[in-house]
N, C-alpha and C. Protein backbone atom coordinates (compact mmCIF):
# COMPACT_ATOMS: atom_id res chain seq x y z
N MET A 1 -17.86 85.74 -30.07
CA MET A 1 -16.89 85.47 -29.02
C MET A 1 -15.55 86.08 -29.41
N LYS A 2 -14.84 86.61 -28.44
CA LYS A 2 -13.49 87.14 -28.67
C LYS A 2 -12.47 86.07 -28.27
N ILE A 3 -11.73 85.62 -29.25
CA ILE A 3 -10.78 84.51 -29.06
C ILE A 3 -9.37 85.03 -29.28
N LEU A 4 -8.47 84.67 -28.38
CA LEU A 4 -7.07 85.08 -28.50
C LEU A 4 -6.19 83.84 -28.57
N PHE A 5 -5.32 83.80 -29.56
CA PHE A 5 -4.29 82.76 -29.65
C PHE A 5 -2.98 83.39 -29.18
N PHE A 6 -2.32 82.73 -28.23
CA PHE A 6 -1.05 83.22 -27.69
C PHE A 6 0.05 82.33 -28.23
N THR A 7 1.05 82.95 -28.90
CA THR A 7 2.02 82.15 -29.64
C THR A 7 3.32 82.90 -29.89
N ASN A 8 4.29 82.19 -30.36
CA ASN A 8 5.50 82.81 -30.91
C ASN A 8 5.66 82.43 -32.38
N GLU A 9 4.61 81.82 -32.95
CA GLU A 9 4.62 81.41 -34.36
C GLU A 9 3.31 81.80 -35.01
N TYR A 10 3.42 82.32 -36.22
CA TYR A 10 2.24 82.58 -37.05
C TYR A 10 2.72 82.63 -38.48
N SER A 11 2.03 81.93 -39.35
CA SER A 11 2.44 81.85 -40.75
C SER A 11 2.01 83.13 -41.49
N HIS A 12 3.00 83.97 -41.75
CA HIS A 12 2.76 85.24 -42.45
C HIS A 12 4.10 85.76 -42.96
N PRO A 13 4.13 86.46 -44.10
CA PRO A 13 5.40 86.98 -44.64
C PRO A 13 6.14 87.94 -43.70
N ASN A 14 5.45 88.56 -42.76
CA ASN A 14 6.11 89.46 -41.80
C ASN A 14 6.96 88.72 -40.78
N PHE A 15 6.76 87.41 -40.67
CA PHE A 15 7.46 86.61 -39.65
C PHE A 15 8.39 85.60 -40.30
N PRO A 16 9.36 85.10 -39.52
CA PRO A 16 10.20 84.01 -40.04
C PRO A 16 9.33 82.80 -40.40
N ALA A 17 9.85 81.93 -41.22
CA ALA A 17 9.12 80.71 -41.59
C ALA A 17 8.71 79.97 -40.33
N SER A 18 7.49 79.45 -40.33
CA SER A 18 7.00 78.72 -39.16
C SER A 18 6.66 77.29 -39.56
N GLY A 19 6.57 76.47 -38.56
CA GLY A 19 6.24 75.07 -38.80
C GLY A 19 4.74 74.83 -38.70
N GLY A 20 4.40 73.64 -38.27
CA GLY A 20 3.00 73.24 -38.19
C GLY A 20 2.16 74.11 -37.27
N VAL A 21 2.74 74.55 -36.17
CA VAL A 21 1.99 75.37 -35.22
C VAL A 21 1.57 76.69 -35.86
N GLY A 22 2.50 77.36 -36.53
CA GLY A 22 2.18 78.64 -37.17
C GLY A 22 1.13 78.52 -38.25
N SER A 23 1.23 77.47 -39.05
CA SER A 23 0.24 77.22 -40.11
C SER A 23 -1.11 76.86 -39.52
N PHE A 24 -1.11 75.98 -38.53
CA PHE A 24 -2.34 75.57 -37.84
C PHE A 24 -3.04 76.79 -37.26
N MET A 25 -2.27 77.65 -36.60
CA MET A 25 -2.83 78.83 -35.96
C MET A 25 -3.47 79.76 -36.98
N LYS A 26 -2.80 79.98 -38.09
CA LYS A 26 -3.32 80.87 -39.12
C LYS A 26 -4.64 80.32 -39.69
N ILE A 27 -4.66 79.06 -40.03
CA ILE A 27 -5.86 78.44 -40.60
C ILE A 27 -7.01 78.51 -39.60
N LEU A 28 -6.76 78.13 -38.36
CA LEU A 28 -7.81 78.14 -37.34
C LEU A 28 -8.31 79.56 -37.08
N ALA A 29 -7.40 80.52 -36.98
CA ALA A 29 -7.79 81.91 -36.73
C ALA A 29 -8.71 82.42 -37.85
N HIS A 30 -8.35 82.16 -39.09
CA HIS A 30 -9.16 82.64 -40.22
C HIS A 30 -10.50 81.92 -40.30
N GLU A 31 -10.53 80.64 -40.02
CA GLU A 31 -11.79 79.90 -40.04
C GLU A 31 -12.74 80.39 -38.93
N LEU A 32 -12.21 80.64 -37.76
CA LEU A 32 -13.05 81.16 -36.67
C LEU A 32 -13.56 82.56 -37.00
N SER A 33 -12.71 83.35 -37.63
CA SER A 33 -13.11 84.70 -38.04
C SER A 33 -14.25 84.64 -39.06
N LYS A 34 -14.16 83.71 -40.01
CA LYS A 34 -15.22 83.54 -41.02
C LYS A 34 -16.56 83.17 -40.37
N ARG A 35 -16.48 82.53 -39.22
CA ARG A 35 -17.70 82.10 -38.51
C ARG A 35 -18.23 83.18 -37.56
N GLY A 36 -17.66 84.38 -37.67
CA GLY A 36 -18.19 85.51 -36.91
C GLY A 36 -17.51 85.82 -35.59
N HIS A 37 -16.44 85.10 -35.26
CA HIS A 37 -15.72 85.37 -34.02
C HIS A 37 -14.70 86.48 -34.26
N GLU A 38 -14.43 87.24 -33.22
CA GLU A 38 -13.39 88.27 -33.28
C GLU A 38 -12.10 87.60 -32.81
N VAL A 39 -11.11 87.48 -33.70
CA VAL A 39 -9.92 86.69 -33.42
C VAL A 39 -8.68 87.57 -33.33
N TYR A 40 -7.90 87.31 -32.28
CA TYR A 40 -6.64 88.01 -32.04
C TYR A 40 -5.53 86.97 -31.96
N VAL A 41 -4.39 87.31 -32.54
CA VAL A 41 -3.19 86.50 -32.37
C VAL A 41 -2.18 87.41 -31.69
N TYR A 42 -1.81 87.04 -30.47
CA TYR A 42 -0.93 87.86 -29.65
C TYR A 42 0.27 87.01 -29.26
N GLY A 43 1.44 87.59 -29.35
CA GLY A 43 2.61 86.80 -29.01
C GLY A 43 3.88 87.61 -28.99
N PHE A 44 4.98 86.91 -29.17
CA PHE A 44 6.29 87.54 -29.05
C PHE A 44 7.22 87.06 -30.14
N SER A 45 8.10 87.96 -30.55
CA SER A 45 9.09 87.65 -31.58
C SER A 45 10.28 88.59 -31.40
N LYS A 46 11.23 88.53 -32.31
CA LYS A 46 12.41 89.39 -32.19
C LYS A 46 12.05 90.87 -32.32
N LYS A 47 10.99 91.17 -33.08
CA LYS A 47 10.56 92.54 -33.30
C LYS A 47 9.08 92.68 -32.98
N LYS A 48 8.67 93.92 -32.70
CA LYS A 48 7.25 94.21 -32.50
C LYS A 48 6.54 94.19 -33.84
N HIS A 49 5.31 93.71 -33.84
CA HIS A 49 4.47 93.70 -35.04
C HIS A 49 3.05 94.04 -34.62
N SER A 50 2.35 94.78 -35.45
CA SER A 50 0.94 95.08 -35.23
C SER A 50 0.30 95.32 -36.59
N PHE A 51 -0.61 94.42 -36.99
CA PHE A 51 -1.27 94.55 -38.28
C PHE A 51 -2.51 93.67 -38.32
N LYS A 52 -3.29 93.83 -39.36
CA LYS A 52 -4.45 92.98 -39.60
C LYS A 52 -4.10 91.99 -40.71
N ASP A 53 -4.43 90.74 -40.52
CA ASP A 53 -4.29 89.71 -41.53
C ASP A 53 -5.72 89.30 -41.89
N GLY A 54 -6.29 89.99 -42.86
CA GLY A 54 -7.73 89.83 -43.13
C GLY A 54 -8.49 90.41 -41.95
N ASP A 55 -9.35 89.62 -41.35
CA ASP A 55 -10.11 90.07 -40.17
C ASP A 55 -9.42 89.72 -38.85
N VAL A 56 -8.27 89.09 -38.92
CA VAL A 56 -7.55 88.66 -37.72
C VAL A 56 -6.58 89.75 -37.28
N THR A 57 -6.66 90.13 -36.01
CA THR A 57 -5.76 91.14 -35.45
C THR A 57 -4.50 90.46 -34.95
N ILE A 58 -3.35 90.92 -35.44
CA ILE A 58 -2.06 90.35 -35.07
C ILE A 58 -1.27 91.39 -34.29
N GLU A 59 -0.77 91.00 -33.12
CA GLU A 59 0.11 91.88 -32.36
C GLU A 59 1.16 91.04 -31.64
N PHE A 60 2.41 91.34 -31.94
CA PHE A 60 3.53 90.66 -31.30
C PHE A 60 4.40 91.70 -30.61
N PHE A 61 4.84 91.41 -29.41
CA PHE A 61 5.77 92.28 -28.69
C PHE A 61 7.16 91.65 -28.75
N LYS A 62 8.17 92.46 -28.42
CA LYS A 62 9.54 91.95 -28.43
C LYS A 62 9.68 90.88 -27.35
N LYS A 63 10.30 89.77 -27.73
CA LYS A 63 10.45 88.69 -26.77
C LYS A 63 11.33 89.12 -25.59
N TYR A 64 11.23 88.38 -24.53
CA TYR A 64 11.86 88.72 -23.26
C TYR A 64 13.35 89.03 -23.41
N SER A 65 14.06 88.17 -24.13
CA SER A 65 15.51 88.35 -24.26
C SER A 65 15.86 89.64 -24.98
N LYS A 66 15.00 90.10 -25.89
CA LYS A 66 15.24 91.35 -26.61
C LYS A 66 14.79 92.56 -25.80
N SER A 67 13.81 92.36 -24.93
CA SER A 67 13.30 93.46 -24.09
C SER A 67 14.17 93.71 -22.87
N PHE A 68 14.84 92.66 -22.40
CA PHE A 68 15.67 92.75 -21.20
C PHE A 68 17.07 92.19 -21.48
N PRO A 69 17.87 92.92 -22.27
CA PRO A 69 19.18 92.39 -22.67
C PRO A 69 20.13 92.16 -21.50
N PHE A 70 20.04 92.97 -20.44
CA PHE A 70 20.93 92.78 -19.29
C PHE A 70 20.61 91.45 -18.59
N SER A 71 19.33 91.19 -18.39
CA SER A 71 18.91 89.93 -17.79
C SER A 71 19.34 88.75 -18.67
N GLU A 72 19.22 88.92 -19.97
CA GLU A 72 19.62 87.86 -20.91
C GLU A 72 21.13 87.62 -20.84
N ALA A 73 21.91 88.69 -20.66
CA ALA A 73 23.36 88.55 -20.55
C ALA A 73 23.73 87.77 -19.28
N ILE A 74 23.03 88.05 -18.19
CA ILE A 74 23.29 87.33 -16.93
C ILE A 74 22.89 85.86 -17.09
N ARG A 75 21.75 85.60 -17.74
CA ARG A 75 21.31 84.23 -17.97
C ARG A 75 22.35 83.48 -18.81
N SER A 76 22.84 84.13 -19.85
CA SER A 76 23.83 83.52 -20.73
C SER A 76 25.13 83.22 -19.98
N LEU A 77 25.58 84.18 -19.19
CA LEU A 77 26.80 83.99 -18.40
C LEU A 77 26.63 82.85 -17.39
N SER A 78 25.48 82.81 -16.73
CA SER A 78 25.20 81.73 -15.76
C SER A 78 25.23 80.37 -16.44
N SER A 79 24.71 80.33 -17.66
CA SER A 79 24.71 79.08 -18.42
C SER A 79 26.13 78.66 -18.77
N LYS A 80 26.93 79.62 -19.20
CA LYS A 80 28.32 79.32 -19.55
C LYS A 80 29.13 78.87 -18.33
N LEU A 81 28.78 79.42 -17.16
CA LEU A 81 29.45 79.03 -15.91
C LEU A 81 28.86 77.76 -15.32
N ASN A 82 27.88 77.20 -16.03
CA ASN A 82 27.24 75.95 -15.61
C ASN A 82 26.53 76.04 -14.26
N ILE A 83 25.91 77.19 -14.01
CA ILE A 83 25.11 77.37 -12.80
C ILE A 83 23.70 76.91 -13.13
N GLU A 84 23.45 75.62 -12.92
CA GLU A 84 22.23 74.98 -13.39
C GLU A 84 20.96 75.62 -12.83
N SER A 85 20.95 75.96 -11.56
CA SER A 85 19.73 76.51 -10.94
C SER A 85 19.30 77.84 -11.56
N SER A 86 20.23 78.55 -12.17
CA SER A 86 19.87 79.83 -12.79
C SER A 86 18.95 79.61 -13.99
N GLY A 87 19.06 78.47 -14.65
CA GLY A 87 18.19 78.19 -15.79
C GLY A 87 16.73 78.22 -15.41
N LEU A 88 16.39 77.58 -14.30
CA LEU A 88 15.01 77.57 -13.82
C LEU A 88 14.58 78.97 -13.39
N HIS A 89 15.46 79.68 -12.72
CA HIS A 89 15.15 81.05 -12.27
C HIS A 89 14.77 81.94 -13.45
N PHE A 90 15.56 81.92 -14.51
CA PHE A 90 15.29 82.79 -15.65
C PHE A 90 14.07 82.35 -16.45
N LEU A 91 13.83 81.04 -16.53
CA LEU A 91 12.62 80.56 -17.20
C LEU A 91 11.37 81.02 -16.43
N GLU A 92 11.41 80.90 -15.11
CA GLU A 92 10.27 81.35 -14.30
C GLU A 92 10.05 82.85 -14.45
N LYS A 93 11.12 83.60 -14.44
CA LYS A 93 11.03 85.06 -14.60
C LYS A 93 10.40 85.40 -15.95
N GLU A 94 10.85 84.73 -17.01
CA GLU A 94 10.31 84.99 -18.34
C GLU A 94 8.84 84.57 -18.42
N ARG A 95 8.48 83.41 -17.88
CA ARG A 95 7.09 82.93 -17.93
C ARG A 95 6.16 83.86 -17.14
N LYS A 96 6.63 84.40 -16.03
CA LYS A 96 5.81 85.35 -15.26
C LYS A 96 5.61 86.64 -16.06
N TYR A 97 6.63 87.08 -16.76
CA TYR A 97 6.54 88.26 -17.63
C TYR A 97 5.51 88.01 -18.73
N LEU A 98 5.57 86.82 -19.35
CA LEU A 98 4.62 86.48 -20.41
C LEU A 98 3.19 86.46 -19.88
N ALA A 99 3.00 85.90 -18.68
CA ALA A 99 1.66 85.87 -18.09
C ALA A 99 1.14 87.28 -17.85
N HIS A 100 2.02 88.16 -17.38
CA HIS A 100 1.63 89.56 -17.15
C HIS A 100 1.24 90.24 -18.46
N LYS A 101 2.05 90.10 -19.49
CA LYS A 101 1.76 90.71 -20.79
C LYS A 101 0.45 90.16 -21.37
N LEU A 102 0.27 88.86 -21.29
CA LEU A 102 -0.93 88.22 -21.82
C LEU A 102 -2.18 88.70 -21.09
N LYS A 103 -2.11 88.75 -19.77
CA LYS A 103 -3.27 89.18 -18.99
C LYS A 103 -3.64 90.63 -19.31
N LYS A 104 -2.66 91.49 -19.38
CA LYS A 104 -2.91 92.90 -19.67
C LYS A 104 -3.58 93.05 -21.05
N TYR A 105 -3.05 92.37 -22.04
CA TYR A 105 -3.61 92.45 -23.39
C TYR A 105 -5.03 91.89 -23.42
N ALA A 106 -5.22 90.72 -22.82
CA ALA A 106 -6.53 90.06 -22.83
C ALA A 106 -7.60 90.89 -22.13
N LEU A 107 -7.25 91.49 -21.00
CA LEU A 107 -8.22 92.33 -20.28
C LEU A 107 -8.53 93.60 -21.06
N THR A 108 -7.52 94.20 -21.67
CA THR A 108 -7.71 95.42 -22.48
C THR A 108 -8.66 95.17 -23.64
N HIS A 109 -8.59 93.96 -24.24
CA HIS A 109 -9.40 93.65 -25.42
C HIS A 109 -10.65 92.82 -25.08
N ASN A 110 -10.96 92.68 -23.79
CA ASN A 110 -12.15 91.93 -23.35
C ASN A 110 -12.25 90.54 -23.97
N ILE A 111 -11.14 89.83 -23.93
CA ILE A 111 -11.06 88.48 -24.52
C ILE A 111 -11.91 87.51 -23.70
N ASP A 112 -12.62 86.61 -24.39
CA ASP A 112 -13.46 85.60 -23.73
C ASP A 112 -12.70 84.32 -23.43
N ILE A 113 -11.78 83.95 -24.33
CA ILE A 113 -11.05 82.68 -24.16
C ILE A 113 -9.69 82.80 -24.85
N ILE A 114 -8.70 82.12 -24.28
CA ILE A 114 -7.32 82.16 -24.79
C ILE A 114 -6.86 80.74 -25.08
N GLU A 115 -6.18 80.59 -26.22
CA GLU A 115 -5.59 79.29 -26.54
C GLU A 115 -4.12 79.44 -26.87
N PRO A 116 -3.24 78.96 -25.99
CA PRO A 116 -1.82 78.85 -26.32
C PRO A 116 -1.53 77.39 -26.67
N PHE A 117 -0.31 77.09 -27.05
CA PHE A 117 0.08 75.69 -27.22
C PHE A 117 1.01 75.32 -26.07
N ALA A 118 1.20 74.03 -25.87
CA ALA A 118 1.94 73.54 -24.70
C ALA A 118 3.45 73.72 -24.80
N PHE A 119 3.99 73.79 -26.01
CA PHE A 119 5.44 73.79 -26.22
C PHE A 119 6.13 74.87 -25.37
N ASN A 120 7.12 74.48 -24.61
CA ASN A 120 7.94 75.35 -23.75
C ASN A 120 7.20 75.93 -22.55
N GLY A 121 5.92 75.64 -22.40
CA GLY A 121 5.19 76.06 -21.20
C GLY A 121 5.12 77.56 -21.00
N TYR A 122 4.82 78.29 -22.08
CA TYR A 122 4.80 79.75 -21.99
C TYR A 122 3.74 80.29 -21.02
N THR A 123 2.71 79.51 -20.73
CA THR A 123 1.65 79.97 -19.82
C THR A 123 1.72 79.29 -18.45
N ALA A 124 2.90 78.91 -18.03
CA ALA A 124 3.08 78.20 -16.76
C ALA A 124 2.55 78.97 -15.55
N PHE A 125 2.52 80.27 -15.62
CA PHE A 125 2.09 81.07 -14.47
C PHE A 125 0.78 81.81 -14.75
N TRP A 126 -0.06 81.25 -15.61
CA TRP A 126 -1.36 81.86 -15.90
C TRP A 126 -2.29 81.64 -14.72
N ASP A 127 -3.08 82.67 -14.38
CA ASP A 127 -3.94 82.59 -13.19
C ASP A 127 -5.40 82.29 -13.50
N ASN A 128 -5.74 82.03 -14.75
CA ASN A 128 -7.09 81.69 -15.18
C ASN A 128 -8.14 82.75 -14.90
N THR A 129 -7.75 84.02 -14.90
CA THR A 129 -8.74 85.09 -14.80
C THR A 129 -9.62 85.08 -16.05
N ILE A 130 -9.06 84.63 -17.14
CA ILE A 130 -9.78 84.40 -18.39
C ILE A 130 -9.52 82.94 -18.73
N PRO A 131 -10.56 82.18 -19.12
CA PRO A 131 -10.34 80.76 -19.42
C PRO A 131 -9.24 80.55 -20.46
N LEU A 132 -8.39 79.60 -20.16
CA LEU A 132 -7.25 79.27 -21.00
C LEU A 132 -7.37 77.79 -21.39
N VAL A 133 -7.33 77.50 -22.68
CA VAL A 133 -7.38 76.13 -23.18
C VAL A 133 -6.03 75.85 -23.83
N VAL A 134 -5.21 75.03 -23.19
CA VAL A 134 -3.88 74.71 -23.73
C VAL A 134 -4.01 73.61 -24.77
N ARG A 135 -3.47 73.87 -25.96
CA ARG A 135 -3.50 72.89 -27.05
C ARG A 135 -2.17 72.15 -27.08
N PHE A 136 -2.26 70.83 -27.08
CA PHE A 136 -1.05 70.01 -27.18
C PHE A 136 -0.80 69.70 -28.65
N HIS A 137 0.26 70.31 -29.16
CA HIS A 137 0.65 70.20 -30.57
C HIS A 137 2.11 69.74 -30.61
N GLY A 138 2.50 68.96 -29.59
CA GLY A 138 3.89 68.57 -29.42
C GLY A 138 4.52 69.40 -28.31
N SER A 139 5.68 68.98 -27.87
CA SER A 139 6.35 69.67 -26.76
C SER A 139 7.79 69.19 -26.66
N ARG A 140 8.55 69.84 -25.80
CA ARG A 140 9.92 69.36 -25.54
C ARG A 140 9.88 67.99 -24.90
N GLY A 141 8.94 67.79 -23.99
CA GLY A 141 8.77 66.48 -23.37
C GLY A 141 8.48 65.40 -24.41
N PHE A 142 7.66 65.76 -25.39
CA PHE A 142 7.32 64.85 -26.48
C PHE A 142 8.57 64.51 -27.28
N TRP A 143 9.33 65.54 -27.65
CA TRP A 143 10.56 65.32 -28.42
C TRP A 143 11.51 64.38 -27.67
N HIS A 144 11.64 64.61 -26.37
CA HIS A 144 12.54 63.79 -25.58
C HIS A 144 12.02 62.34 -25.49
N HIS A 145 10.75 62.22 -25.19
CA HIS A 145 10.16 60.90 -24.96
C HIS A 145 10.11 60.06 -26.24
N TYR A 146 9.65 60.63 -27.33
CA TYR A 146 9.43 59.86 -28.55
C TYR A 146 10.55 59.96 -29.58
N LEU A 147 11.29 61.07 -29.57
CA LEU A 147 12.31 61.26 -30.60
C LEU A 147 13.73 61.19 -30.05
N ASN A 148 13.85 60.88 -28.76
CA ASN A 148 15.14 60.74 -28.09
C ASN A 148 16.02 61.97 -28.24
N GLN A 149 15.42 63.15 -28.28
CA GLN A 149 16.21 64.37 -28.32
C GLN A 149 16.63 64.75 -26.91
N GLU A 150 17.65 65.57 -26.83
CA GLU A 150 18.19 65.98 -25.54
C GLU A 150 17.10 66.59 -24.66
N GLN A 151 17.10 66.20 -23.41
CA GLN A 151 16.09 66.67 -22.48
C GLN A 151 16.46 68.05 -21.92
N ASP A 152 15.51 68.95 -21.95
CA ASP A 152 15.65 70.25 -21.31
C ASP A 152 14.67 70.24 -20.14
N ARG A 153 15.11 69.70 -19.02
CA ARG A 153 14.19 69.40 -17.93
C ARG A 153 13.48 70.62 -17.37
N PHE A 154 14.09 71.79 -17.40
CA PHE A 154 13.41 72.98 -16.89
C PHE A 154 12.29 73.42 -17.82
N LYS A 155 12.51 73.32 -19.13
CA LYS A 155 11.43 73.67 -20.07
C LYS A 155 10.32 72.63 -20.00
N ILE A 156 10.67 71.37 -19.80
CA ILE A 156 9.65 70.33 -19.63
C ILE A 156 8.87 70.59 -18.34
N LEU A 157 9.54 71.05 -17.30
CA LEU A 157 8.85 71.43 -16.06
C LEU A 157 7.88 72.59 -16.31
N MET A 158 8.28 73.57 -17.12
CA MET A 158 7.39 74.68 -17.46
C MET A 158 6.18 74.17 -18.26
N GLU A 159 6.40 73.19 -19.13
CA GLU A 159 5.28 72.59 -19.87
C GLU A 159 4.31 71.92 -18.90
N GLN A 160 4.84 71.18 -17.94
CA GLN A 160 3.98 70.52 -16.94
C GLN A 160 3.18 71.56 -16.17
N LYS A 161 3.84 72.66 -15.75
CA LYS A 161 3.15 73.71 -15.00
C LYS A 161 2.07 74.38 -15.85
N ALA A 162 2.35 74.59 -17.14
CA ALA A 162 1.36 75.19 -18.04
C ALA A 162 0.15 74.28 -18.18
N LEU A 163 0.39 72.99 -18.30
CA LEU A 163 -0.71 72.03 -18.42
C LEU A 163 -1.51 71.95 -17.12
N GLU A 164 -0.84 72.10 -15.99
CA GLU A 164 -1.52 72.09 -14.69
C GLU A 164 -2.26 73.39 -14.42
N ALA A 165 -1.81 74.49 -15.04
CA ALA A 165 -2.36 75.82 -14.75
C ALA A 165 -3.77 76.01 -15.27
N THR A 166 -4.22 75.13 -16.14
CA THR A 166 -5.57 75.26 -16.69
C THR A 166 -6.33 73.95 -16.57
N PRO A 167 -7.62 74.02 -16.33
CA PRO A 167 -8.40 72.79 -16.32
C PRO A 167 -8.78 72.34 -17.73
N TYR A 168 -8.39 73.12 -18.75
CA TYR A 168 -8.80 72.83 -20.12
C TYR A 168 -7.59 72.56 -21.01
N THR A 169 -7.45 71.32 -21.45
CA THR A 169 -6.36 70.92 -22.32
C THR A 169 -6.94 70.11 -23.47
N ILE A 170 -6.53 70.43 -24.68
CA ILE A 170 -6.97 69.69 -25.86
C ILE A 170 -5.73 69.23 -26.63
N ALA A 171 -5.94 68.28 -27.53
CA ALA A 171 -4.85 67.78 -28.36
C ALA A 171 -5.28 67.81 -29.82
N VAL A 172 -4.32 67.87 -30.72
CA VAL A 172 -4.63 67.94 -32.14
C VAL A 172 -4.94 66.56 -32.74
N SER A 173 -4.71 65.50 -31.99
CA SER A 173 -5.01 64.14 -32.48
C SER A 173 -5.13 63.20 -31.28
N LYS A 174 -5.67 62.01 -31.56
CA LYS A 174 -5.76 60.98 -30.52
C LYS A 174 -4.36 60.59 -30.06
N PHE A 175 -3.43 60.46 -31.01
CA PHE A 175 -2.05 60.14 -30.66
C PHE A 175 -1.46 61.19 -29.72
N SER A 176 -1.67 62.47 -30.03
CA SER A 176 -1.16 63.56 -29.18
C SER A 176 -1.78 63.50 -27.79
N ALA A 177 -3.07 63.21 -27.73
CA ALA A 177 -3.75 63.12 -26.43
C ALA A 177 -3.14 62.00 -25.59
N GLU A 178 -2.91 60.85 -26.21
CA GLU A 178 -2.30 59.73 -25.49
C GLU A 178 -0.86 60.05 -25.10
N ALA A 179 -0.14 60.73 -25.98
CA ALA A 179 1.26 61.08 -25.71
C ALA A 179 1.35 62.03 -24.52
N VAL A 180 0.53 63.06 -24.50
CA VAL A 180 0.62 64.04 -23.42
C VAL A 180 0.28 63.38 -22.07
N GLN A 181 -0.66 62.43 -22.09
CA GLN A 181 -1.00 61.75 -20.84
C GLN A 181 0.10 60.79 -20.38
N SER A 182 0.88 60.27 -21.32
CA SER A 182 1.96 59.37 -20.91
C SER A 182 3.20 60.12 -20.44
N ILE A 183 3.34 61.39 -20.86
CA ILE A 183 4.52 62.17 -20.52
C ILE A 183 4.29 63.04 -19.28
N TYR A 184 3.09 63.62 -19.19
CA TYR A 184 2.76 64.56 -18.10
C TYR A 184 1.64 63.98 -17.23
N THR A 185 1.46 64.58 -16.08
CA THR A 185 0.42 64.11 -15.17
C THR A 185 -0.83 64.98 -15.31
N ILE A 186 -1.56 64.76 -16.42
CA ILE A 186 -2.82 65.48 -16.68
C ILE A 186 -3.77 64.55 -17.40
N ASN A 187 -5.04 64.93 -17.46
CA ASN A 187 -6.03 64.24 -18.27
C ASN A 187 -6.37 65.15 -19.44
N ILE A 188 -6.61 64.55 -20.61
CA ILE A 188 -6.84 65.33 -21.82
C ILE A 188 -7.82 64.62 -22.73
N SER A 189 -8.56 65.39 -23.52
CA SER A 189 -9.46 64.84 -24.53
C SER A 189 -8.98 65.28 -25.91
N PRO A 190 -8.97 64.37 -26.90
CA PRO A 190 -8.59 64.78 -28.25
C PRO A 190 -9.67 65.67 -28.86
N LEU A 191 -9.30 66.48 -29.86
CA LEU A 191 -10.27 67.33 -30.57
C LEU A 191 -11.31 66.48 -31.25
């Protein structure tokens, strides 16, 4: 099976230090590769990257803000001017761009299944041409709900849309499964 992980984190010396998601992704990718699956890690970062990490194919493109600096400047100015509705506009524009890049890459490589994580709702506009299984490994909604961190309602909205965009959602623990169901309007099964 050809499996693609879509992310902005991966634990490797070529990338900035990553947290649990990056480490989890690396371990899972290598274990699946050992079991005979063809594994790809595709995502975005400040710089483009393309290399093999053992049998795992890694390819990262420049993130939206670095690829479209004029759009990023307008987004930043809108934020400084406190034009709240622009925040949602730019998030939707970025998420649609990510869906386009992901689809093009997945079709080019004949991917069978894609797994992103829920954080920030990067796959909010995925059309399910290729099955997508969203993994709940925490989220902005989770941080707000359980850790009382400042709410970013537009990013939480993107997380909700990403969770709604696929019929397949998994969680890394029973606690995560219960948390995602209490924060968002979806049904989920723990791993």
